[in-house]
Amino acid sequence: ASPLIASAHAGLSGVALCAITDRADEAVDVAALVARSAEVAP
């Protein structure tokens, strides 16, 4: 939220890209999220 609202305030537009690390209907712990983040980052 903060960088998007700041972009509006600063007069910058662009695009936000979100890599999916998990689904809302699955049980995922923090360690799994960190591992998946590393997998999708490249």
Full PDB file with SEQRES, HELIX, SHEET, SSBOND, CRYST1, ORIGX, SCALE, CONECT and MASTER records, all heavy atoms in Angstrom:
SEQRES   1 A   42  ALA SER PRO LEU ILE ALA SER ALA HIS ALA GLY LEU SER          
SEQRES   2 A   42  GLY VAL ALA LEU CYS ALA ILE THR ASP ARG ALA ASP GLU          
SEQRES   3 A   42  ALA VAL ASP VAL ALA ALA LEU VAL ALA ARG SER ALA GLU          
SEQRES   4 A   42  VAL ALA PRO                                                  
HELIX    1 AA1 SER A    2  ALA A   10  1                                   9    
HELIX    2 AA2 VAL A   30  VAL A   40  1                                  11    
CRYST1    1.000    1.000    1.000  90.00  90.00  90.00 P 1           1          
ORIGX1      1.000000  0.000000  0.000000        0.00000                         
ORIGX2      0.000000  1.000000  0.000000        0.00000                         
ORIGX3      0.000000  0.000000  1.000000        0.00000                         
SCALE1      1.000000  0.000000  0.000000        0.00000                         
SCALE2      0.000000  1.000000  0.000000        0.00000                         
SCALE3      0.000000  0.000000  1.000000        0.00000                         
ATOM      1  N   ALA A   1       0.817  -1.212   0.000  1.00  0.00           N  
ATOM      2  CA  ALA A   1       0.000   0.000   0.000  1.00  0.00           C  
ATOM      3  C   ALA A   1       0.852   1.264   0.000  1.00  0.00           C  
ATOM      4  O   ALA A   1       0.609   2.193  -0.787  1.00  0.00           O  
ATOM      5  CB  ALA A   1      -0.946   0.002   1.198  1.00  0.00           C  
ATOM      6  N   SER A   2       1.844   1.326   0.874  1.00  0.00           N  
ATOM      7  CA  SER A   2       2.627   2.560   1.010  1.00  0.00           C  
ATOM      8  C   SER A   2       3.316   2.983  -0.287  1.00  0.00           C  
ATOM      9  O   SER A   2       3.186   4.129  -0.710  1.00  0.00           O  
ATOM     10  CB  SER A   2       3.655   2.410   2.133  1.00  0.00           C  
ATOM     11  OG  SER A   2       3.033   2.503   3.391  1.00  0.00           O  
ATOM     12  N   PRO A   3       4.065   2.088  -0.962  1.00  0.00           N  
ATOM     13  CA  PRO A   3       4.702   2.533  -2.208  1.00  0.00           C  
ATOM     14  C   PRO A   3       3.711   2.894  -3.309  1.00  0.00           C  
ATOM     15  O   PRO A   3       3.975   3.792  -4.106  1.00  0.00           O  
ATOM     16  CB  PRO A   3       5.593   1.352  -2.605  1.00  0.00           C  
ATOM     17  CG  PRO A   3       5.099   0.196  -1.822  1.00  0.00           C  
ATOM     18  CD  PRO A   3       4.527   0.739  -0.571  1.00  0.00           C  
ATOM     19  N   LEU A   4       2.552   2.232  -3.355  1.00  0.00           N  
ATOM     20  CA  LEU A   4       1.567   2.582  -4.373  1.00  0.00           C  
ATOM     21  C   LEU A   4       0.971   3.967  -4.113  1.00  0.00           C  
ATOM     22  O   LEU A   4       0.844   4.795  -5.026  1.00  0.00           O  
ATOM     23  CB  LEU A   4       0.454   1.539  -4.418  1.00  0.00           C  
ATOM     24  CG  LEU A   4       0.817   0.164  -4.983  1.00  0.00           C  
ATOM     25  CD1 LEU A   4      -0.383  -0.773  -4.908  1.00  0.00           C  
ATOM     26  CD2 LEU A   4       1.314   0.264  -6.427  1.00  0.00           C  
ATOM     27  N   ILE A   5       0.604   4.238  -2.863  1.00  0.00           N  
ATOM     28  CA  ILE A   5       0.030   5.544  -2.531  1.00  0.00           C  
ATOM     29  C   ILE A   5       1.078   6.642  -2.709  1.00  0.00           C  
ATOM     30  O   ILE A   5       0.785   7.730  -3.214  1.00  0.00           O  
ATOM     31  CB  ILE A   5      -0.522   5.537  -1.100  1.00  0.00           C  
ATOM     32  CG1 ILE A   5      -1.679   4.550  -0.989  1.00  0.00           C  
ATOM     33  CG2 ILE A   5      -0.998   6.932  -0.694  1.00  0.00           C  
ATOM     34  CD1 ILE A   5      -2.148   4.293   0.437  1.00  0.00           C  
ATOM     35  N   ALA A   6       2.318   6.348  -2.318  1.00  0.00           N  
ATOM     36  CA  ALA A   6       3.397   7.316  -2.512  1.00  0.00           C  
ATOM     37  C   ALA A   6       3.616   7.605  -3.989  1.00  0.00           C  
ATOM     38  O   ALA A   6       3.900   8.750  -4.379  1.00  0.00           O  
ATOM     39  CB  ALA A   6       4.678   6.809  -1.874  1.00  0.00           C  
ATOM     40  N   SER A   7       3.477   6.583  -4.835  1.00  0.00           N  
ATOM     41  CA  SER A   7       3.627   6.790  -6.279  1.00  0.00           C  
ATOM     42  C   SER A   7       2.584   7.763  -6.789  1.00  0.00           C  
ATOM     43  O   SER A   7       2.882   8.643  -7.610  1.00  0.00           O  
ATOM     44  CB  SER A   7       3.502   5.450  -7.018  1.00  0.00           C  
ATOM     45  OG  SER A   7       4.554   4.575  -6.670  1.00  0.00           O  
ATOM     46  N   ALA A   8       1.361   7.615  -6.314  1.00  0.00           N  
ATOM     47  CA  ALA A   8       0.308   8.543  -6.720  1.00  0.00           C  
ATOM     48  C   ALA A   8       0.648   9.955  -6.274  1.00  0.00           C  
ATOM     49  O   ALA A   8       0.493  10.929  -7.027  1.00  0.00           O  
ATOM     50  CB  ALA A   8      -1.032   8.098  -6.137  1.00  0.00           C  
ATOM     51  N   HIS A   9       1.109  10.098  -5.047  1.00  0.00           N  
ATOM     52  CA  HIS A   9       1.457  11.416  -4.503  1.00  0.00           C  
ATOM     53  C   HIS A   9       2.596  12.056  -5.284  1.00  0.00           C  
ATOM     54  O   HIS A   9       2.597  13.262  -5.531  1.00  0.00           O  
ATOM     55  CB  HIS A   9       1.834  11.258  -3.030  1.00  0.00           C  
ATOM     56  CG  HIS A   9       2.092  12.536  -2.303  1.00  0.00           C  
ATOM     57  ND1 HIS A   9       3.356  13.053  -2.125  1.00  0.00           N  
ATOM     58  CD2 HIS A   9       1.241  13.411  -1.698  1.00  0.00           C  
ATOM     59  CE1 HIS A   9       3.284  14.179  -1.430  1.00  0.00           C  
ATOM     60  NE2 HIS A   9       2.011  14.422  -1.163  1.00  0.00           N  
ATOM     61  N   ALA A  10       3.565  11.228  -5.697  1.00  0.00           N  
ATOM     62  CA  ALA A  10       4.733  11.727  -6.418  1.00  0.00           C  
ATOM     63  C   ALA A  10       4.478  11.915  -7.910  1.00  0.00           C  
ATOM     64  O   ALA A  10       5.334  12.431  -8.625  1.00  0.00           O  
ATOM     65  CB  ALA A  10       5.910  10.770  -6.222  1.00  0.00           C  
ATOM     66  N   GLY A  11       3.306  11.476  -8.383  1.00  0.00           N  
ATOM     67  CA  GLY A  11       2.973  11.639  -9.794  1.00  0.00           C  
ATOM     68  C   GLY A  11       3.565  10.581 -10.698  1.00  0.00           C  
ATOM     69  O   GLY A  11       3.694  10.799 -11.906  1.00  0.00           O  
ATOM     70  N   LEU A  12       3.911   9.427 -10.137  1.00  0.00           N  
ATOM     71  CA  LEU A  12       4.485   8.340 -10.932  1.00  0.00           C  
ATOM     72  C   LEU A  12       3.463   7.231 -11.137  1.00  0.00           C  
ATOM     73  O   LEU A  12       2.787   6.816 -10.196  1.00  0.00           O  
ATOM     74  CB  LEU A  12       5.706   7.748 -10.226  1.00  0.00           C  
ATOM     75  CG  LEU A  12       6.952   8.613 -10.127  1.00  0.00           C  
ATOM     76  CD1 LEU A  12       8.023   7.887  -9.312  1.00  0.00           C  
ATOM     77  CD2 LEU A  12       7.490   8.980 -11.499  1.00  0.00           C  
ATOM     78  N   SER A  13       3.362   6.751 -12.350  1.00  0.00           N  
ATOM     79  CA  SER A  13       2.543   5.571 -12.623  1.00  0.00           C  
ATOM     80  C   SER A  13       3.465   4.445 -13.055  1.00  0.00           C  
ATOM     81  O   SER A  13       4.661   4.641 -13.261  1.00  0.00           O  
ATOM     82  CB  SER A  13       1.500   5.859 -13.710  1.00  0.00           C  
ATOM     83  OG  SER A  13       2.143   6.164 -14.937  1.00  0.00           O  
ATOM     84  N   GLY A  14       2.912   3.260 -13.174  1.00  0.00           N  
ATOM     85  CA  GLY A  14       3.733   2.128 -13.578  1.00  0.00           C  
ATOM     86  C   GLY A  14       2.941   0.849 -13.486  1.00  0.00           C  
ATOM     87  O   GLY A  14       1.748   0.813 -13.787  1.00  0.00           O  
ATOM     88  N   VAL A  15       3.606  -0.199 -13.042  1.00  0.00           N  
ATOM     89  CA  VAL A  15       2.943  -1.493 -12.934  1.00  0.00           C  
ATOM     90  C   VAL A  15       3.485  -2.224 -11.714  1.00  0.00           C  
ATOM     91  O   VAL A  15       4.672  -2.128 -11.390  1.00  0.00           O  
ATOM     92  CB  VAL A  15       3.150  -2.339 -14.219  1.00  0.00           C  
ATOM     93  CG1 VAL A  15       4.615  -2.641 -14.457  1.00  0.00           C  
ATOM     94  CG2 VAL A  15       2.340  -3.628 -14.161  1.00  0.00           C  
ATOM     95  N   ALA A  16       2.587  -2.921 -11.015  1.00  0.00           N  
ATOM     96  CA  ALA A  16       2.977  -3.758  -9.883  1.00  0.00           C  
ATOM     97  C   ALA A  16       2.820  -5.218 -10.280  1.00  0.00           C  
ATOM     98  O   ALA A  16       1.771  -5.619 -10.795  1.00  0.00           O  
ATOM     99  CB  ALA A  16       2.122  -3.444  -8.654  1.00  0.00           C  
ATOM    100  N   LEU A  17       3.861  -6.003 -10.062  1.00  0.00           N  
ATOM    101  CA  LEU A  17       3.874  -7.417 -10.407  1.00  0.00           C  
ATOM    102  C   LEU A  17       4.037  -8.226  -9.134  1.00  0.00           C  
ATOM    103  O   LEU A  17       4.994  -8.030  -8.372  1.00  0.00           O  
ATOM    104  CB  LEU A  17       5.014  -7.726 -11.378  1.00  0.00           C  
ATOM    105  CG  LEU A  17       4.952  -6.978 -12.720  1.00  0.00           C  
ATOM    106  CD1 LEU A  17       6.248  -7.185 -13.500  1.00  0.00           C  
ATOM    107  CD2 LEU A  17       3.749  -7.430 -13.528  1.00  0.00           C  
ATOM    108  N   CYS A  18       3.117  -9.148  -8.918  1.00  0.00           N  
ATOM    109  CA  CYS A  18       3.082  -9.928  -7.683  1.00  0.00           C  
ATOM    110  C   CYS A  18       3.291 -11.408  -7.991  1.00  0.00           C  
ATOM    111  O   CYS A  18       2.472 -12.024  -8.687  1.00  0.00           O  
ATOM    112  CB  CYS A  18       1.751  -9.710  -6.965  1.00  0.00           C  
ATOM    113  SG  CYS A  18       1.544 -10.709  -5.469  1.00  0.00           S  
ATOM    114  N   ALA A  19       4.375 -11.971  -7.487  1.00  0.00           N  
ATOM    115  CA  ALA A  19       4.635 -13.397  -7.653  1.00  0.00           C  
ATOM    116  C   ALA A  19       3.848 -14.174  -6.605  1.00  0.00           C  
ATOM    117  O   ALA A  19       3.901 -13.858  -5.415  1.00  0.00           O  
ATOM    118  CB  ALA A  19       6.124 -13.684  -7.505  1.00  0.00           C  
ATOM    119  N   ILE A  20       3.103 -15.162  -7.039  1.00  0.00           N  
ATOM    120  CA  ILE A  20       2.267 -15.952  -6.133  1.00  0.00           C  
ATOM    121  C   ILE A  20       3.115 -17.016  -5.436  1.00  0.00           C  
ATOM    122  O   ILE A  20       3.770 -17.830  -6.093  1.00  0.00           O  
ATOM    123  CB  ILE A  20       1.104 -16.611  -6.895  1.00  0.00           C  
ATOM    124  CG1 ILE A  20       0.233 -15.529  -7.555  1.00  0.00           C  
ATOM    125  CG2 ILE A  20       0.278 -17.478  -5.954  1.00  0.00           C  
ATOM    126  CD1 ILE A  20      -0.327 -14.499  -6.597  1.00  0.00           C  
ATOM    127  N   THR A  21       3.091 -16.981  -4.110  1.00  0.00           N  
ATOM    128  CA  THR A  21       3.859 -17.946  -3.326  1.00  0.00           C  
ATOM    129  C   THR A  21       2.988 -19.017  -2.675  1.00  0.00           C  
ATOM    130  O   THR A  21       3.497 -20.075  -2.284  1.00  0.00           O  
ATOM    131  CB  THR A  21       4.653 -17.239  -2.214  1.00  0.00           C  
ATOM    132  OG1 THR A  21       3.740 -16.527  -1.370  1.00  0.00           O  
ATOM    133  CG2 THR A  21       5.670 -16.277  -2.799  1.00  0.00           C  
ATOM    134  N   ASP A  22       1.673 -18.737  -2.535  1.00  0.00           N  
ATOM    135  CA  ASP A  22       0.813 -19.700  -1.859  1.00  0.00           C  
ATOM    136  C   ASP A  22      -0.649 -19.407  -2.191  1.00  0.00           C  
ATOM    137  O   ASP A  22      -0.971 -18.376  -2.783  1.00  0.00           O  
ATOM    138  CB  ASP A  22       1.028 -19.665  -0.344  1.00  0.00           C  
ATOM    139  CG  ASP A  22       0.745 -18.292   0.255  1.00  0.00           C  
ATOM    140  OD1 ASP A  22       1.322 -17.290  -0.229  1.00  0.00           O  
ATOM    141  OD2 ASP A  22      -0.070 -18.197   1.199  1.00  0.00           O  
ATOM    142  N   ARG A  23      -1.516 -20.334  -1.799  1.00  0.00           N  
ATOM    143  CA  ARG A  23      -2.956 -20.175  -1.974  1.00  0.00           C  
ATOM    144  C   ARG A  23      -3.613 -19.984  -0.618  1.00  0.00           C  
ATOM    145  O   ARG A  23      -3.155 -20.520   0.400  1.00  0.00           O  
ATOM    146  CB  ARG A  23      -3.576 -21.394  -2.654  1.00  0.00           C  
ATOM    147  CG  ARG A  23      -3.002 -21.745  -4.013  1.00  0.00           C  
ATOM    148  CD  ARG A  23      -3.883 -22.810  -4.709  1.00  0.00           C  
ATOM    149  NE  ARG A  23      -4.401 -23.800  -3.780  1.00  0.00           N  
ATOM    150  CZ  ARG A  23      -3.815 -24.961  -3.518  1.00  0.00           C  
ATOM    151  NH1 ARG A  23      -2.675 -25.269  -4.115  1.00  0.00           N  
ATOM    152  NH2 ARG A  23      -4.373 -25.824  -2.676  1.00  0.00           N  
ATOM    153  N   ALA A  24      -4.705 -19.244  -0.615  1.00  0.00           N  
ATOM    154  CA  ALA A  24      -5.402 -18.968   0.636  1.00  0.00           C  
ATOM    155  C   ALA A  24      -6.003 -20.215   1.263  1.00  0.00           C  
ATOM    156  O   ALA A  24      -6.250 -20.251   2.469  1.00  0.00           O  
ATOM    157  CB  ALA A  24      -6.495 -17.927   0.405  1.00  0.00           C  
ATOM    158  N   ASP A  25      -6.244 -21.245   0.455  1.00  0.00           N  
ATOM    159  CA  ASP A  25      -6.908 -22.442   0.982  1.00  0.00           C  
ATOM    160  C   ASP A  25      -5.930 -23.533   1.398  1.00  0.00           C  
ATOM    161  O   ASP A  25      -6.324 -24.674   1.644  1.00  0.00           O  
ATOM    162  CB  ASP A  25      -7.888 -22.997  -0.049  1.00  0.00           C  
ATOM    163  CG  ASP A  25      -7.216 -23.410  -1.348  1.00  0.00           C  
ATOM    164  OD1 ASP A  25      -5.998 -23.154  -1.502  1.00  0.00           O  
ATOM    165  OD2 ASP A  25      -7.893 -23.988  -2.221  1.00  0.00           O  
ATOM    166  N   GLU A  26      -4.631 -23.218   1.486  1.00  0.00           N  
ATOM    167  CA  GLU A  26      -3.662 -24.227   1.899  1.00  0.00           C  
ATOM    168  C   GLU A  26      -2.950 -23.769   3.171  1.00  0.00           C  
ATOM    169  O   GLU A  26      -2.851 -22.579   3.464  1.00  0.00           O  
ATOM    170  CB  GLU A  26      -2.632 -24.488   0.798  1.00  0.00           C  
ATOM    171  CG  GLU A  26      -1.733 -23.311   0.481  1.00  0.00           C  
ATOM    172  CD  GLU A  26      -0.642 -23.649  -0.520  1.00  0.00           C  
ATOM    173  OE1 GLU A  26      -0.181 -24.804  -0.532  1.00  0.00           O  
ATOM    174  OE2 GLU A  26      -0.248 -22.746  -1.279  1.00  0.00           O  
ATOM    175  N   ALA A  27      -2.482 -24.729   3.918  1.00  0.00           N  
ATOM    176  CA  ALA A  27      -1.727 -24.438   5.132  1.00  0.00           C  
ATOM    177  C   ALA A  27      -0.252 -24.283   4.760  1.00  0.00           C  
ATOM    178  O   ALA A  27       0.368 -25.220   4.253  1.00  0.00           O  
ATOM    179  CB  ALA A  27      -1.900 -25.562   6.145  1.00  0.00           C  
ATOM    180  N   VAL A  28       0.281 -23.089   4.985  1.00  0.00           N  
ATOM    181  CA  VAL A  28       1.674 -22.810   4.641  1.00  0.00           C  
ATOM    182  C   VAL A  28       2.333 -22.101   5.816  1.00  0.00           C  
ATOM    183  O   VAL A  28       1.779 -21.142   6.348  1.00  0.00           O  
ATOM    184  CB  VAL A  28       1.774 -21.918   3.385  1.00  0.00           C  
ATOM    185  CG1 VAL A  28       3.229 -21.645   3.043  1.00  0.00           C  
ATOM    186  CG2 VAL A  28       1.070 -22.584   2.205  1.00  0.00           C  
ATOM    187  N   ASP A  29       3.513 -22.574   6.210  1.00  0.00           N  
ATOM    188  CA  ASP A  29       4.209 -21.898   7.305  1.00  0.00           C  
ATOM    189  C   ASP A  29       5.220 -20.911   6.736  1.00  0.00           C  
ATOM    190  O   ASP A  29       5.453 -20.837   5.526  1.00  0.00           O  
ATOM    191  CB  ASP A  29       4.870 -22.895   8.243  1.00  0.00           C  
ATOM    192  CG  ASP A  29       5.889 -23.783   7.538  1.00  0.00           C  
ATOM    193  OD1 ASP A  29       6.421 -23.381   6.483  1.00  0.00           O  
ATOM    194  OD2 ASP A  29       6.159 -24.886   8.048  1.00  0.00           O  
ATOM    195  N   VAL A  30       5.824 -20.135   7.623  1.00  0.00           N  
ATOM    196  CA  VAL A  30       6.738 -19.077   7.195  1.00  0.00           C  
ATOM    197  C   VAL A  30       7.935 -19.648   6.444  1.00  0.00           C  
ATOM    198  O   VAL A  30       8.368 -19.088   5.420  1.00  0.00           O  
ATOM    199  CB  VAL A  30       7.199 -18.253   8.410  1.00  0.00           C  
ATOM    200  CG1 VAL A  30       8.273 -17.249   7.995  1.00  0.00           C  
ATOM    201  CG2 VAL A  30       6.014 -17.518   9.031  1.00  0.00           C  
ATOM    202  N   ALA A  31       8.481 -20.752   6.917  1.00  0.00           N  
ATOM    203  CA  ALA A  31       9.643 -21.348   6.247  1.00  0.00           C  
ATOM    204  C   ALA A  31       9.301 -21.725   4.806  1.00  0.00           C  
ATOM    205  O   ALA A  31      10.104 -21.513   3.884  1.00  0.00           O  
ATOM    206  CB  ALA A  31      10.126 -22.576   7.019  1.00  0.00           C  
ATOM    207  N   ALA A  32       8.105 -22.270   4.603  1.00  0.00           N  
ATOM    208  CA  ALA A  32       7.683 -22.645   3.249  1.00  0.00           C  
ATOM    209  C   ALA A  32       7.506 -21.406   2.386  1.00  0.00           C  
ATOM    210  O   ALA A  32       7.842 -21.408   1.192  1.00  0.00           O  
ATOM    211  CB  ALA A  32       6.382 -23.436   3.309  1.00  0.00           C  
ATOM    212  N   LEU A  33       6.990 -20.322   2.959  1.00  0.00           N  
ATOM    213  CA  LEU A  33       6.808 -19.095   2.188  1.00  0.00           C  
ATOM    214  C   LEU A  33       8.149 -18.509   1.762  1.00  0.00           C  
ATOM    215  O   LEU A  33       8.303 -18.032   0.633  1.00  0.00           O  
ATOM    216  CB  LEU A  33       6.031 -18.062   3.018  1.00  0.00           C  
ATOM    217  CG  LEU A  33       4.546 -18.325   3.210  1.00  0.00           C  
ATOM    218  CD1 LEU A  33       3.934 -17.257   4.112  1.00  0.00           C  
ATOM    219  CD2 LEU A  33       3.821 -18.362   1.875  1.00  0.00           C  
ATOM    220  N   VAL A  34       9.122 -18.531   2.664  1.00  0.00           N  
ATOM    221  CA  VAL A  34      10.452 -18.024   2.321  1.00  0.00           C  
ATOM    222  C   VAL A  34      11.053 -18.852   1.200  1.00  0.00           C  
ATOM    223  O   VAL A  34      11.643 -18.311   0.246  1.00  0.00           O  
ATOM    224  CB  VAL A  34      11.361 -18.046   3.563  1.00  0.00           C  
ATOM    225  CG1 VAL A  34      12.809 -17.727   3.176  1.00  0.00           C  
ATOM    226  CG2 VAL A  34      10.869 -17.038   4.603  1.00  0.00           C  
ATOM    227  N   ALA A  35      10.904 -20.172   1.286  1.00  0.00           N  
ATOM    228  CA  ALA A  35      11.440 -21.052   0.249  1.00  0.00           C  
ATOM    229  C   ALA A  35      10.766 -20.800  -1.087  1.00  0.00           C  
ATOM    230  O   ALA A  35      11.429 -20.737  -2.129  1.00  0.00           O  
ATOM    231  CB  ALA A  35      11.270 -22.515   0.667  1.00  0.00           C  
ATOM    232  N   ARG A  36       9.455 -20.644  -1.068  1.00  0.00           N  
ATOM    233  CA  ARG A  36       8.735 -20.400  -2.321  1.00  0.00           C  
ATOM    234  C   ARG A  36       9.078 -19.031  -2.896  1.00  0.00           C  
ATOM    235  O   ARG A  36       9.159 -18.870  -4.116  1.00  0.00           O  
ATOM    236  CB  ARG A  36       7.232 -20.525  -2.096  1.00  0.00           C  
ATOM    237  CG  ARG A  36       6.770 -21.964  -1.928  1.00  0.00           C  
ATOM    238  CD  ARG A  36       5.259 -22.041  -1.875  1.00  0.00           C  
ATOM    239  NE  ARG A  36       4.788 -23.412  -1.712  1.00  0.00           N  
ATOM    240  CZ  ARG A  36       3.518 -23.750  -1.581  1.00  0.00           C  
ATOM    241  NH1 ARG A  36       2.575 -22.799  -1.567  1.00  0.00           N  
ATOM    242  NH2 ARG A  36       3.160 -25.007  -1.448  1.00  0.00           N  
ATOM    243  N   SER A  37       9.278 -18.047  -2.037  1.00  0.00           N  
ATOM    244  CA  SER A  37       9.673 -16.717  -2.517  1.00  0.00           C  
ATOM    245  C   SER A  37      10.986 -16.798  -3.276  1.00  0.00           C  
ATOM    246  O   SER A  37      11.167 -16.174  -4.327  1.00  0.00           O  
ATOM    247  CB  SER A  37       9.790 -15.741  -1.344  1.00  0.00           C  
ATOM    248  OG  SER A  37       8.537 -15.499  -0.748  1.00  0.00           O  
ATOM    249  N   ALA A  38      11.923 -17.585  -2.744  1.00  0.00           N  
ATOM    250  CA  ALA A  38      13.208 -17.762  -3.418  1.00  0.00           C  
ATOM    251  C   ALA A  38      13.038 -18.479  -4.751  1.00  0.00           C  
ATOM    252  O   ALA A  38      13.757 -18.203  -5.718  1.00  0.00           O  
ATOM    253  CB  ALA A  38      14.162 -18.542  -2.510  1.00  0.00           C  
ATOM    254  N   GLU A  39      12.065 -19.392  -4.803  1.00  0.00           N  
ATOM    255  CA  GLU A  39      11.826 -20.133  -6.038  1.00  0.00           C  
ATOM    256  C   GLU A  39      11.228 -19.256  -7.137  1.00  0.00           C  
ATOM    257  O   GLU A  39      11.576 -19.400  -8.312  1.00  0.00           O  
ATOM    258  CB  GLU A  39      10.891 -21.309  -5.768  1.00  0.00           C  
ATOM    259  CG  GLU A  39      11.506 -22.415  -4.917  1.00  0.00           C  
ATOM    260  CD  GLU A  39      10.479 -23.469  -4.526  1.00  0.00           C  
ATOM    261  OE1 GLU A  39       9.307 -23.336  -4.955  1.00  0.00           O  
ATOM    262  OE2 GLU A  39      10.837 -24.416  -3.810  1.00  0.00           O  
ATOM    263  N   VAL A  40      10.320 -18.358  -6.759  1.00  0.00           N  
ATOM    264  CA  VAL A  40       9.629 -17.560  -7.782  1.00  0.00           C  
ATOM    265  C   VAL A  40      10.374 -16.279  -8.133  1.00  0.00           C  
ATOM    266  O   VAL A  40      10.114 -15.671  -9.181  1.00  0.00           O  
ATOM    267  CB  VAL A  40       8.192 -17.208  -7.334  1.00  0.00           C  
ATOM    268  CG1 VAL A  40       7.392 -18.466  -7.071  1.00  0.00           C  
ATOM    269  CG2 VAL A  40       8.191 -16.302  -6.103  1.00  0.00           C  
ATOM    270  N   ALA A  41      11.328 -15.868  -7.296  1.00  0.00           N  
ATOM    271  CA  ALA A  41      12.027 -14.606  -7.529  1.00  0.00           C  
ATOM    272  C   ALA A  41      12.732 -14.534  -8.887  1.00  0.00           C  
ATOM    273  O   ALA A  41      12.663 -13.506  -9.572  1.00  0.00           O  
ATOM    274  CB  ALA A  41      13.008 -14.326  -6.397  1.00  0.00           C  
ATOM    275  N   PRO A  42      13.430 -15.593  -9.325  1.00  0.00           N  
ATOM    276  CA  PRO A  42      14.121 -15.495 -10.618  1.00  0.00           C  
ATOM    277  C   PRO A  42      13.180 -15.210 -11.792  1.00  0.00           C  
ATOM    278  O   PRO A  42      13.523 -14.439 -12.693  1.00  0.00           O  
ATOM    279  CB  PRO A  42      14.790 -16.865 -10.757  1.00  0.00           C  
ATOM    280  CG  PRO A  42      14.990 -17.323  -9.353  1.00  0.00           C  
ATOM    281  CD  PRO A  42      13.780 -16.848  -8.622  1.00  0.00           C  
TER     282      PRO A  42                                                      
MASTER        0    0    0    2    0    0    0    6  281    1    0    4          
END                                                                             
